[in-house]
Protein backbone atom coordinates (compact mmCIF):
# COMPACT_ATOMS: atom_id res chain seq x y z
CA MET A 1 -3.03 -9.87 -6.36
CA ALA A 2 0.65 -9.68 -5.41
CA VAL A 3 -0.09 -8.65 -1.81
CA GLN A 4 -2.27 -11.72 -1.27
CA GLU A 5 0.43 -13.92 -2.83
CA ALA A 6 2.99 -12.41 -0.45
CA HIS A 7 0.67 -13.14 2.48
CA ALA A 8 0.19 -16.73 1.30
CA ALA A 9 3.98 -17.08 1.14
CA GLN A 10 4.17 -15.66 4.69
CA ALA A 11 6.35 -12.74 3.63
CA ARG A 12 7.56 -10.80 6.65
CA LEU A 13 8.08 -7.51 4.81
CA LEU A 14 6.22 -5.85 1.93
CA VAL A 15 7.96 -2.88 0.32
CA PHE A 16 6.02 -0.41 -1.84
CA GLN A 17 8.16 1.70 -4.13
CA GLY A 18 7.33 3.54 -7.31
CA ALA A 19 9.15 2.97 -10.58
CA GLY A 20 10.38 6.01 -12.43
CA ARG A 21 10.44 9.63 -11.35
CA SER A 22 7.51 9.41 -8.93
CA PHE A 23 6.02 7.03 -6.42
CA SER A 24 2.50 7.66 -7.74
CA ALA A 25 0.75 10.67 -9.23
CA GLY A 26 -2.54 9.24 -7.94
CA PHE A 27 -5.71 7.96 -9.53
CA ASP A 28 -5.52 7.68 -13.34
CA LEU A 29 -8.13 10.11 -14.66
CA SER A 30 -7.08 9.84 -18.32
CA GLU A 31 -10.05 7.75 -19.47
CA LEU A 32 -12.55 9.02 -16.94
CA GLU A 33 -15.12 10.11 -19.54
CA ARG A 34 -15.12 6.70 -21.25
CA GLN A 35 -15.94 4.75 -18.11
CA SER A 36 -19.39 4.10 -16.73
CA GLU A 37 -20.25 4.99 -13.16
CA GLY A 38 -20.18 1.26 -12.39
CA ASP A 39 -16.65 0.95 -13.79
CA LEU A 40 -15.48 3.86 -11.63
CA VAL A 41 -17.13 2.49 -8.51
CA LEU A 42 -15.46 -0.87 -9.14
CA ARG A 43 -12.05 0.85 -9.47
CA PHE A 44 -12.60 2.74 -6.20
CA VAL A 45 -13.70 -0.43 -4.41
CA ARG A 46 -10.64 -2.32 -5.68
CA ILE A 47 -8.29 0.45 -4.57
CA GLU A 48 -9.89 0.66 -1.14
CA MET A 49 -9.77 -3.12 -0.76
CA LEU A 50 -6.04 -3.04 -1.59
CA LEU A 51 -5.46 -0.24 0.92
CA GLN A 52 -7.32 -2.20 3.61
CA THR A 53 -5.34 -5.35 2.82
CA ILE A 54 -2.07 -3.45 3.17
CA ALA A 55 -3.16 -1.66 6.35
CA ARG A 56 -4.17 -4.97 7.96
CA SER A 57 -1.22 -6.96 6.65
CA PRO A 58 0.38 -9.43 9.04
CA ALA A 59 3.69 -8.50 7.38
CA ARG A 60 5.56 -5.31 8.07
CA THR A 61 4.77 -2.79 5.35
CA LEU A 62 7.13 -0.10 4.14
CA GLY A 63 6.26 2.75 1.80
CA LEU A 64 9.30 4.34 0.09
CA ALA A 65 8.00 7.63 -1.28
CA HIS A 66 9.81 9.74 -3.87
CA GLY A 67 8.91 12.36 -6.46
CA LYS A 68 5.18 13.04 -6.66
CA VAL A 69 3.00 11.22 -4.16
CA PHE A 70 -0.52 12.38 -4.94
CA GLY A 71 -4.00 11.18 -4.02
CA ALA A 72 -4.25 7.40 -4.05
CA GLY A 73 -0.43 7.27 -3.91
CA ALA A 74 -0.50 9.17 -0.61
CA ASP A 75 -3.29 6.85 0.55
CA LEU A 76 -1.04 3.87 -0.24
CA VAL A 77 1.82 5.37 1.76
CA ALA A 78 -0.62 6.01 4.64
CA ALA A 79 -1.67 2.35 4.58
CA CYS A 80 1.92 1.28 5.24
CA ARG A 81 3.10 0.77 8.81
CA TYR A 82 6.48 2.39 8.07
CA ARG A 83 6.77 5.42 5.79
CA VAL A 84 9.96 6.97 4.39
CA ALA A 85 10.32 9.86 1.93
CA ALA A 86 13.26 10.87 -0.21
CA PRO A 87 14.35 14.53 -0.30
CA GLY A 88 12.32 16.49 -2.83
CA THR A 89 9.21 14.35 -2.43
CA VAL A 90 5.94 16.27 -2.83
CA PHE A 91 2.80 14.97 -1.16
CA ARG A 92 -0.67 16.15 -2.17
CA MET A 93 -4.19 14.85 -1.66
CA PRO A 94 -6.42 16.62 -4.19
CA GLY A 95 -9.29 14.12 -4.02
CA LEU A 96 -11.90 16.50 -2.63
CA LYS A 97 -11.55 18.66 -5.75
CA PHE A 98 -12.80 15.65 -7.74
CA GLY A 99 -15.21 14.32 -5.16
CA LEU A 100 -12.91 11.33 -4.45
CA VAL A 101 -12.08 10.28 -0.93
CA LEU A 102 -10.55 6.84 -0.45
CA GLY A 103 -8.01 6.17 2.31
CA THR A 104 -8.00 9.63 3.82
CA ARG A 105 -9.34 8.26 7.13
CA ARG A 106 -6.00 6.52 7.63
CA PHE A 107 -4.19 9.77 6.81
CA ALA A 108 -6.31 11.62 9.39
CA ASP A 109 -5.64 8.93 11.99
CA ILE A 110 -1.90 9.45 11.47
CA VAL A 111 -1.64 13.26 11.28
CA GLY A 112 -4.71 14.26 13.30
CA HIS A 113 -8.13 15.14 12.02
CA GLU A 114 -7.67 18.94 12.07
CA THR A 115 -4.40 18.78 10.13
CA ALA A 116 -5.87 16.33 7.64
CA LEU A 117 -9.00 18.43 7.12
CA ARG A 118 -6.92 21.56 6.52
CA LEU A 119 -4.70 19.81 3.95
CA LEU A 120 -7.59 18.04 2.23
CA GLU A 121 -9.79 21.14 1.97
CA ARG A 122 -7.00 23.28 0.58
CA THR A 123 -5.48 20.43 -1.45
CA SER A 124 -2.18 21.76 -0.13
CA ALA A 125 1.09 20.16 -1.14
CA PHE A 126 3.58 19.35 1.60
CA ASP A 127 7.22 18.30 1.64
CA PRO A 128 9.04 15.57 3.60
CA ASP A 129 9.98 17.95 6.43
CA SER A 130 6.32 18.91 6.94
CA ALA A 131 5.28 15.28 6.55
CA HIS A 132 7.78 14.31 9.24
CA GLU A 133 6.64 17.10 11.58
CA MET A 134 3.03 15.92 11.31
CA ARG A 135 4.22 12.30 11.78
CA PHE A 136 3.04 11.16 8.37
CA ILE A 137 6.50 9.82 7.55
CA HIS A 138 9.05 8.34 9.89
CA ARG A 139 12.19 9.36 7.97
């Protein structure tokens, strides 16, 4: 895993940035029906392990959000110590609609449990200004 390699190299800064039009549209559901429950559980465990590794990193972590930042992508941004969003970024955490909840505890710790619950239950989208107001992003 690249994060573990960066830790082994004693990197002082890890930057997470999406390639293309969006940071991350979230969990890939395209082949959901072809995977066994065990395969899905393994994917969730791997994602959560990555999020925990990033959240506990001895390096500074920076999430540079742009475009769509949905679900697991928002969880990844939440795992970073420093979070920045470009104008026009759209955040959304639709996991509860699918019965998926991964790193939302970190999100709730950042924005407050009431705010997180409201956004998660409604699967509401929010923009960088709202994200900044709720202290999800720094800039």
